[in-house]
Protein backbone atom coordinates (compact mmCIF):
# COMPACT_ATOMS: atom_id res chain seq x y z
CA MET A 1 -20.38 15.61 7.67
CA VAL A 2 -17.14 16.70 5.98
CA ARG A 3 -16.94 17.65 2.30
CA VAL A 4 -13.70 16.11 1.04
CA LEU A 5 -11.74 16.80 -2.13
CA MET A 6 -9.54 13.70 -2.46
CA LEU A 7 -6.61 13.57 -4.90
CA SER A 8 -5.05 10.32 -6.09
CA TRP A 9 -3.14 9.20 -9.16
CA GLU A 10 -4.88 5.81 -8.89
CA TYR A 11 -8.57 5.04 -8.62
CA PRO A 12 -10.54 2.20 -10.23
CA PRO A 13 -10.38 1.23 -13.00
CA VAL A 14 -6.80 2.55 -12.77
CA VAL A 15 -5.25 0.34 -10.09
CA VAL A 16 -1.46 -0.03 -10.24
CA GLY A 17 -0.92 -1.20 -6.68
CA GLY A 18 -2.34 -1.06 -3.19
CA LEU A 19 -2.80 2.72 -3.20
CA GLY A 20 -5.66 2.59 -5.71
CA ARG A 21 -7.50 -0.06 -3.69
CA HIS A 22 -6.93 1.92 -0.50
CA VAL A 23 -8.29 5.19 -1.87
CA HIS A 24 -11.34 3.45 -3.36
CA ALA A 25 -12.18 1.64 -0.11
CA LEU A 26 -11.61 4.77 1.99
CA ALA A 27 -13.66 7.03 -0.28
CA THR A 28 -16.63 4.67 -0.48
CA SER A 29 -16.51 3.94 3.26
CA LEU A 30 -16.42 7.65 4.08
CA ALA A 31 -19.47 8.10 1.84
CA THR A 32 -21.24 5.21 3.56
CA ILE A 33 -20.89 6.84 6.99
CA GLY A 34 -22.19 10.19 5.76
CA HIS A 35 -19.32 12.24 4.38
CA GLU A 36 -19.42 13.89 0.95
CA VAL A 37 -16.46 12.72 -1.10
CA THR A 38 -15.16 13.86 -4.48
CA VAL A 39 -12.16 11.97 -5.89
CA VAL A 40 -10.12 13.65 -8.61
CA THR A 41 -7.89 11.19 -10.40
CA ARG A 42 -6.49 10.30 -13.80
CA HIS A 43 -8.58 9.14 -16.69
CA ALA A 44 -8.76 5.60 -18.04
CA PRO A 45 -9.81 4.77 -21.61
CA GLY A 46 -13.51 4.05 -21.75
CA SER A 47 -14.29 5.69 -18.40
CA PRO A 48 -16.48 8.80 -18.14
CA LEU A 49 -14.81 12.07 -17.25
CA GLU A 50 -17.25 12.43 -14.38
CA GLU A 51 -19.63 10.06 -12.63
CA LEU A 52 -21.27 9.26 -9.31
CA ARG A 53 -20.45 5.70 -8.28
CA GLU A 54 -20.87 3.97 -4.90
CA GLY A 55 -21.78 7.31 -3.35
CA VAL A 56 -18.54 8.98 -4.49
CA ARG A 57 -18.27 11.71 -7.11
CA ILE A 58 -15.38 10.83 -9.43
CA VAL A 59 -13.78 13.49 -11.64
CA ARG A 60 -11.16 12.16 -14.05
CA ALA A 61 -8.35 14.16 -15.64
CA PRO A 62 -7.64 13.19 -19.26
CA GLN A 63 -4.02 13.15 -20.44
CA ASP A 64 -2.95 16.25 -22.35
CA PRO A 65 -1.83 15.82 -26.00
CA PRO A 66 1.93 16.15 -25.37
CA LEU A 67 3.21 12.64 -24.75
CA PHE A 68 5.06 11.96 -21.51
CA THR A 69 5.78 8.27 -21.04
CA LEU A 70 5.03 6.83 -17.62
CA SER A 71 8.30 5.03 -16.96
CA THR A 72 11.10 5.42 -14.48
CA PRO A 73 13.43 7.64 -16.58
CA THR A 74 10.58 10.06 -17.43
CA LEU A 75 8.61 9.79 -14.17
CA LEU A 76 9.19 13.38 -13.04
CA ALA A 77 8.23 14.81 -16.44
CA TRP A 78 5.11 12.64 -16.49
CA THR A 79 4.22 13.70 -12.94
CA MET A 80 4.53 17.40 -13.71
CA ALA A 81 2.35 17.03 -16.82
CA PHE A 82 -0.16 14.93 -14.88
CA ASN A 83 -0.43 17.55 -12.13
CA HIS A 84 -1.32 20.23 -14.70
CA THR A 85 -4.31 18.29 -15.98
CA LEU A 86 -5.19 17.07 -12.47
CA THR A 87 -5.29 20.67 -11.23
CA ARG A 88 -7.66 21.69 -14.02
CA ALA A 89 -9.92 18.75 -13.21
CA ALA A 90 -9.88 19.70 -9.51
CA LEU A 91 -10.77 23.30 -10.39
CA ARG A 92 -13.63 21.95 -12.48
CA ALA A 93 -14.84 19.92 -9.51
CA ALA A 94 -14.67 23.01 -7.28
CA GLU A 95 -16.89 25.01 -9.65
CA SER A 96 -19.94 22.95 -8.67
CA ASN A 97 -19.01 21.74 -5.18
CA GLU A 98 -17.82 23.35 -1.99
CA PHE A 99 -15.24 21.56 0.14
CA ASP A 100 -14.06 21.64 3.74
CA ILE A 101 -10.74 19.84 3.35
CA ILE A 102 -8.31 18.48 0.76
CA HIS A 103 -6.84 14.99 1.14
CA ALA A 104 -3.78 14.14 -0.96
CA HIS A 105 -2.48 10.60 -1.40
CA ASP A 106 1.29 10.36 -1.86
CA TRP A 107 3.81 12.63 -3.55
CA LEU A 108 2.51 12.24 -7.12
CA VAL A 109 -0.34 14.72 -6.48
CA THR A 110 1.59 17.21 -4.34
CA HIS A 111 1.61 20.14 -6.78
CA THR A 112 -2.13 19.92 -7.33
CA ALA A 113 -2.77 19.49 -3.60
CA VAL A 114 -0.79 22.58 -2.61
CA THR A 115 -2.29 24.63 -5.45
CA MET A 116 -5.87 23.68 -4.52
CA ALA A 117 -5.28 24.21 -0.79
CA GLU A 118 -4.05 27.72 -1.45
CA HIS A 119 -6.62 28.52 -4.17
CA LEU A 120 -9.59 27.33 -2.10
CA ASP A 121 -8.07 28.42 1.24
CA LEU A 122 -8.59 24.97 2.77
CA PRO A 123 -6.66 22.74 5.16
CA LEU A 124 -4.58 19.98 3.59
CA VAL A 125 -4.33 16.40 4.86
CA ALA A 126 -1.72 14.12 3.28
CA THR A 127 -1.50 10.36 3.47
CA ILE A 128 2.06 9.19 2.88
CA HIS A 129 1.78 5.52 1.94
CA ALA A 130 5.54 4.92 1.51
CA THR A 131 8.71 6.96 1.15
CA GLU A 132 11.29 6.99 -1.59
CA ALA A 133 14.14 6.36 0.84
CA GLY A 134 12.20 3.55 2.49
CA ARG A 135 11.56 1.87 -0.84
CA HIS A 136 15.33 1.85 -1.40
CA GLN A 137 16.25 0.60 2.09
CA GLY A 138 17.26 4.07 3.28
CA TRP A 139 19.24 5.19 0.21
CA LEU A 140 18.61 7.94 -2.34
CA PRO A 141 21.13 6.87 -4.98
CA GLU A 142 20.09 8.93 -8.03
CA ASP A 143 18.86 12.44 -8.85
CA LEU A 144 15.38 11.00 -9.49
CA ASN A 145 15.23 9.51 -5.98
CA ARG A 146 16.43 12.72 -4.37
CA SER A 147 13.91 14.76 -6.35
CA ILE A 148 11.03 12.54 -5.24
CA HIS A 149 12.26 12.80 -1.64
CA SER A 150 12.19 16.59 -1.93
CA VAL A 151 8.55 16.53 -3.07
CA GLU A 152 7.64 14.23 -0.16
CA PHE A 153 9.45 16.65 2.16
CA TRP A 154 7.45 19.58 0.79
CA LEU A 155 4.14 17.73 1.08
CA GLY A 156 4.85 16.65 4.64
CA HIS A 157 5.65 20.18 5.79
CA ARG A 158 2.88 21.89 3.82
CA ALA A 159 0.13 19.57 5.07
CA SER A 160 -1.65 20.44 8.30
CA LYS A 161 -2.02 16.73 9.10
CA VAL A 162 -0.02 13.71 7.87
CA LEU A 163 -1.65 10.28 8.05
CA VAL A 164 0.42 7.09 8.04
CA CYS A 165 -0.57 3.44 8.29
CA SER A 166 1.67 2.16 11.11
CA SER A 167 3.82 3.23 14.03
CA TYR A 168 6.83 2.21 11.99
CA MET A 169 5.81 4.61 9.23
CA LYS A 170 5.31 7.39 11.76
CA TRP A 171 8.91 6.91 12.85
CA GLU A 172 10.14 6.71 9.25
CA VAL A 173 8.21 9.73 7.96
CA THR A 174 9.04 11.88 10.97
CA ARG A 175 12.72 11.03 10.65
CA LEU A 176 13.11 11.26 6.88
CA LEU A 177 10.99 14.38 6.38
CA GLU A 178 12.25 16.07 9.56
CA LEU A 179 8.70 16.61 10.78
CA ASP A 180 9.93 16.65 14.37
CA LYS A 181 11.12 20.19 13.55
CA ASP A 182 7.54 21.25 12.82
CA ARG A 183 5.82 23.28 15.53
CA ASN A 184 2.82 20.95 15.33
CA LYS A 185 4.24 17.96 17.20
CA ASP A 186 1.01 15.99 16.70
CA LYS A 187 1.06 16.41 12.94
CA VAL A 188 1.72 12.73 12.13
CA GLU A 189 -1.15 10.43 13.04
CA VAL A 190 -1.34 6.64 12.71
CA ILE A 191 -4.51 5.23 11.13
CA PRO A 192 -4.09 1.68 9.79
CA ASN A 193 -5.22 0.49 6.40
CA GLY A 194 -8.43 -1.49 6.24
CA VAL A 195 -9.68 -4.56 4.45
CA ASP A 196 -13.12 -5.77 3.43
CA SER A 197 -12.73 -9.34 4.63
CA THR A 198 -15.92 -10.46 2.86
CA VAL A 199 -14.32 -9.74 -0.54
CA TRP A 200 -11.60 -12.30 0.22
CA LYS A 201 -13.94 -15.19 0.98
CA ALA A 202 -13.69 -17.83 -1.74
CA THR A 203 -16.24 -20.59 -2.21
CA SER A 204 -15.25 -24.16 -1.41
CA TYR A 205 -15.61 -24.97 -5.11
CA ALA A 206 -13.21 -22.15 -6.08
CA ILE A 207 -10.69 -23.31 -3.47
CA LYS A 208 -10.83 -26.89 -4.78
CA ARG A 209 -10.22 -25.61 -8.30
CA ALA A 210 -7.25 -23.56 -7.10
CA LYS A 211 -5.76 -26.60 -5.33
CA ALA A 212 -6.18 -28.66 -8.48
CA ARG A 213 -4.59 -25.93 -10.58
CA TYR A 214 -1.57 -25.08 -8.41
CA ALA A 215 -0.90 -27.85 -5.90
CA ALA A 216 0.83 -31.15 -6.67
CA ARG A 217 1.58 -34.13 -4.41
CA GLY A 218 2.46 -31.99 -1.41
CA PRO A 219 1.69 -28.71 0.33
CA LEU A 220 1.13 -25.40 -1.46
CA VAL A 221 3.03 -22.24 -0.50
CA GLY A 222 1.85 -18.90 -1.89
CA PHE A 223 2.97 -15.33 -2.48
CA ALA A 224 0.95 -12.41 -3.85
CA GLY A 225 2.29 -9.00 -4.72
CA ARG A 226 4.26 -6.84 -7.10
CA LEU A 227 7.50 -8.42 -8.25
CA VAL A 228 10.02 -5.81 -7.14
CA TYR A 229 13.18 -6.27 -5.10
CA GLU A 230 11.83 -4.83 -1.85
CA LYS A 231 9.06 -7.45 -1.73
CA GLY A 232 11.72 -10.08 -0.97
CA VAL A 233 10.49 -12.81 -3.34
CA GLN A 234 14.12 -13.66 -4.07
CA ASP A 235 14.38 -14.93 -0.47
CA LEU A 236 11.36 -17.17 -0.97
CA VAL A 237 12.93 -18.61 -4.12
CA GLU A 238 16.20 -19.22 -2.28
CA ALA A 239 14.27 -21.01 0.50
CA VAL A 240 12.58 -23.45 -1.89
CA PRO A 241 15.36 -26.12 -1.90
CA LYS A 242 15.14 -26.38 1.90
CA LEU A 243 11.35 -26.54 1.78
CA ARG A 244 11.38 -29.13 -0.98
CA ALA A 245 13.88 -31.30 0.88
CA GLU A 246 11.28 -31.74 3.64
CA HIS A 247 8.30 -31.91 1.28
CA PRO A 248 9.32 -33.33 -2.14
CA GLY A 249 5.86 -32.73 -3.63
CA LEU A 250 5.72 -29.08 -2.54
CA LYS A 251 4.65 -26.34 -4.96
CA VAL A 252 5.16 -22.58 -4.71
CA VAL A 253 2.84 -20.22 -6.58
CA ILE A 254 3.86 -16.59 -7.11
CA ALA A 255 0.91 -14.37 -8.04
CA GLY A 256 1.68 -10.95 -9.46
CA ASP A 257 4.07 -9.35 -11.90
CA GLY A 258 6.63 -6.60 -12.08
CA PRO A 259 10.07 -5.54 -13.29
CA TYR A 260 11.90 -8.10 -11.12
CA ARG A 261 10.24 -11.13 -12.71
CA ASP A 262 13.13 -11.99 -15.06
CA GLU A 263 15.65 -11.94 -12.21
CA LEU A 264 13.39 -14.17 -10.11
CA GLN A 265 13.02 -16.66 -12.93
CA GLN A 266 16.81 -16.68 -13.35
CA ALA A 267 17.10 -17.36 -9.60
CA CYS A 268 14.75 -20.32 -10.01
CA ARG A 269 17.01 -21.74 -12.69
CA LYS A 270 20.07 -21.11 -10.51
CA HIS A 271 18.52 -23.02 -7.60
CA HIS A 272 17.07 -25.72 -9.89
CA VAL A 273 13.49 -25.11 -8.72
CA THR A 274 11.77 -24.13 -11.97
CA ASP A 275 9.59 -27.24 -11.75
CA THR A 276 8.50 -26.26 -8.22
CA VAL A 277 7.81 -22.55 -8.64
CA ASP A 278 4.82 -21.41 -10.69
CA PHE A 279 4.75 -17.76 -11.82
CA ALA A 280 1.00 -17.30 -12.13
CA GLY A 281 1.01 -13.62 -13.13
CA PHE A 282 -1.83 -11.32 -12.14
CA LEU A 283 -4.86 -13.18 -10.81
CA SER A 284 -8.39 -11.80 -11.00
CA GLU A 285 -10.37 -10.62 -7.98
CA ARG A 286 -12.09 -14.01 -8.00
CA GLU A 287 -8.96 -16.11 -8.54
CA LEU A 288 -6.64 -14.54 -5.96
CA PRO A 289 -8.73 -15.22 -2.81
CA ALA A 290 -9.17 -18.84 -3.88
CA MET A 291 -5.44 -19.26 -4.47
CA LEU A 292 -4.59 -17.77 -1.06
CA ALA A 293 -7.21 -19.92 0.67
CA ALA A 294 -5.78 -23.01 -1.03
CA THR A 295 -2.29 -22.46 0.40
CA ASN A 296 -0.92 -24.28 3.41
CA ALA A 297 1.15 -21.15 4.05
CA THR A 298 1.23 -17.71 2.44
CA VAL A 299 4.57 -15.91 2.69
CA VAL A 300 5.10 -12.14 2.92
CA PRO A 301 8.92 -11.85 2.77
CA SER A 302 9.18 -8.06 2.32
CA LEU A 303 12.40 -6.19 3.00
CA TYR A 304 10.37 -2.97 3.29
CA GLU A 305 6.69 -2.88 4.14
CA PRO A 306 5.02 0.27 5.49
CA PHE A 307 1.94 -1.73 6.44
CA GLY A 308 1.50 -5.14 4.84
CA MET A 309 -1.90 -5.08 3.18
CA VAL A 310 -1.39 -8.47 1.55
CA ALA A 311 -1.08 -10.03 5.01
CA LEU A 312 -4.56 -8.80 5.93
CA GLU A 313 -5.93 -9.98 2.60
CA ALA A 314 -4.38 -13.42 2.93
CA ALA A 315 -5.63 -13.69 6.51
CA SER A 316 -9.11 -12.72 5.30
CA ALA A 317 -8.91 -15.53 2.77
CA GLY A 318 -8.03 -17.98 5.55
CA ALA A 319 -4.36 -18.56 4.74
CA PRO A 320 -1.83 -19.31 7.50
CA LEU A 321 0.76 -16.51 7.45
CA ALA A 322 4.55 -16.52 7.50
CA VAL A 323 5.77 -12.92 7.35
CA ALA A 324 8.99 -10.97 7.67
CA SER A 325 9.16 -9.10 10.97
CA THR A 326 9.73 -5.73 9.34
CA GLY A 327 7.92 -2.40 9.20
CA GLY A 328 4.16 -2.54 9.58
CA LEU A 329 4.11 -6.33 9.25
CA ALA A 330 5.66 -6.60 12.69
CA GLU A 331 2.70 -4.66 14.10
CA ILE A 332 0.06 -6.79 12.37
CA VAL A 333 1.26 -10.34 13.04
CA GLN A 334 1.81 -11.63 16.58
CA PRO A 335 4.43 -14.41 16.37
CA GLY A 336 2.97 -17.83 16.95
CA VAL A 337 -0.51 -16.38 17.51
CA THR A 338 -1.71 -14.85 14.25
CA GLY A 339 1.19 -16.01 12.11
CA MET A 340 4.82 -17.09 12.04
CA THR A 341 7.55 -14.49 11.67
CA PHE A 342 11.17 -14.45 10.53
CA PRO A 343 13.92 -11.84 10.03
CA HIS A 344 13.76 -10.28 6.58
CA SER A 345 16.49 -11.20 4.08
CA ASP A 346 16.98 -14.59 5.79
CA PRO A 347 15.89 -17.42 3.45
CA SER A 348 16.77 -20.12 5.97
CA ALA A 349 14.63 -18.53 8.69
CA LEU A 350 11.86 -18.04 6.14
CA ALA A 351 11.96 -21.76 5.35
CA ASP A 352 11.86 -22.64 9.07
CA ALA A 353 8.77 -20.46 9.60
CA VAL A 354 6.97 -22.09 6.69
CA LEU A 355 8.04 -25.58 7.73
CA SER A 356 6.63 -25.01 11.21
CA LEU A 357 3.21 -24.32 9.66
CA LEU A 358 3.46 -27.31 7.34
CA ALA A 359 4.49 -29.62 10.20
CA GLU A 360 1.43 -28.85 12.31
CA PRO A 361 -1.66 -28.41 10.10
CA ILE A 362 -4.08 -28.23 13.04
CA ARG A 363 -2.03 -25.48 14.68
CA ALA A 364 -1.73 -23.69 11.34
CA LYS A 365 -5.52 -23.67 10.98
CA ALA A 366 -5.91 -22.28 14.50
CA ILE A 367 -3.39 -19.52 13.72
CA ALA A 368 -5.27 -18.67 10.52
CA LYS A 369 -8.57 -18.53 12.42
CA ARG A 370 -7.15 -16.13 15.00
CA ALA A 371 -5.69 -13.95 12.23
CA LEU A 372 -9.08 -13.72 10.54
CA ALA A 373 -10.74 -12.73 13.82
CA MET A 374 -8.07 -10.06 14.33
CA VAL A 375 -8.68 -8.61 10.85
CA CYS A 376 -12.45 -8.46 11.35
CA GLU A 377 -12.08 -6.78 14.73
CA ARG A 378 -9.34 -4.23 14.05
CA TYR A 379 -9.21 -3.50 10.33
CA HIS A 380 -12.77 -3.20 8.98
CA TRP A 381 -13.13 -0.24 6.63
CA GLN A 382 -16.02 1.60 8.27
CA GLY A 383 -14.04 1.77 11.50
CA ILE A 384 -10.97 3.03 9.62
CA ALA A 385 -13.09 5.61 7.77
CA ALA A 386 -14.51 6.83 11.07
CA GLN A 387 -10.96 7.42 12.34
CA VAL A 388 -10.12 9.38 9.18
CA GLY A 389 -13.31 11.43 9.59
CA ASP A 390 -12.27 12.28 13.14
CA ALA A 391 -8.85 13.34 11.84
CA TYR A 392 -10.59 15.63 9.33
CA ASP A 393 -12.63 17.23 12.11
CA ARG A 394 -9.56 17.86 14.25
CA THR A 395 -7.62 19.28 11.31
CA ILE A 396 -10.41 21.70 10.39
CA ARG A 397 -10.80 22.76 14.02
CA GLU A 398 -7.06 23.31 14.49
CA GLU A 399 -6.41 24.94 11.11
CA PRO A 400 -6.22 28.51 12.50
CA ASP A 401 -3.29 27.44 14.69
CA PHE A 402 -1.61 25.73 11.73
CA ARG A 403 -1.94 28.87 9.66
CA ALA A 404 -0.54 31.07 12.42
CA ALA A 405 2.48 28.80 12.60
CA ARG A 406 3.00 28.98 8.84
CA LEU A 407 3.06 32.78 8.99
CA THR A 408 5.99 32.70 11.41
CA GLU A 409 7.87 29.67 10.08
CA THR A 410 9.25 28.58 6.78
CA THR A 411 9.79 25.06 5.53
CA PRO A 412 13.31 24.00 6.54
CA PRO A 413 15.79 23.62 3.70
CA ILE A 414 15.86 20.17 2.14
CA VAL A 415 19.33 18.78 2.67
CA VAL A 416 19.83 15.16 1.64
CA PRO A 417 22.71 13.68 3.62
CA GLU A 418 25.01 11.06 2.17
CA GLY A 419 24.55 7.45 3.15
CA ASN A 420 21.63 5.52 4.56
CA LEU A 421 18.93 7.88 5.84
CA LEU A 422 17.27 5.24 8.02
CA HIS A 423 20.38 4.31 10.01
């Protein structure tokens, strides 16, 4: 049994993206298999400052009175203010609990993670879910991007163990954060994300309702995710005329929202497909599985995808997959076996992959069935949590060696080269 102090800027009911769902599932699964988990996170209106839920102790950090807006121009100021209150909440948690290890999720909690690791004299594990350069296709164009990169760099070198979700991310993190220069050559470890496939099972009645709501006279193509450029929805929109030429009654439903929505709607007008594409917005936990299950193909057209959680979720719902062969997605989906693949940023190839699923419904169902079996076998959360628990044990056992190395080495200087960091 390991006593874990976990730090995350998202935890239910605060769920901005996949990170919050990941931390919740990991924490509760670790508790289920016998570990003692405390999550310190930010407060949400109406939530208690501290509670025990699903076997996890949750300590929430309320926002301090000075107002720092959570938006892109003020993100660094907000993060620094957040880490002050998060650190005090973590210290409060440590007054009544003892811990064996600290687990930080992403750069937004770095200052608190380093402070608590040094204050409590504990090993630090960091999960890096994505990188700033990766999110911008290898570029760090502004001071904000370079500053975030520098915090990721610090976290990666300060942590005794870095967890990533795919072999692609191991390559990316090692390269971008120069972790190959670290004496601990085994610092970066791949442990995939998990999914509770039972949560994504919709009833036949719910699926029929979703078909009636979204589908028309032809097949239904779906997308689910945050509407940002790197998710590649613009390529799906551009592919719609080709899809509609083969299937005049086709409908495309886009579930989710984000800052790129206006541009996507403009693209729909440009391509004259506004009557074909339905922007459904955020769907509830009951609505989304039914929508995915109702699709004849669910598309994941990401330009950048460290893992591809939505692919596992769609597969769990029973949707045939057409995904971009990029990042972690290329490791999840076997072409022609558990889904169809296409080069990212290629709308014509995207359309061809979807059309191949629509042309052979029996084959598409077989592909979806194999994808579901793959998810259940390889990505169930208790198995993932067991791998994380083993990583904790190794980190604790090897911590004396990590500390000896830190006494003789310093973190290399952070030099951000010009150009694309991933090329």
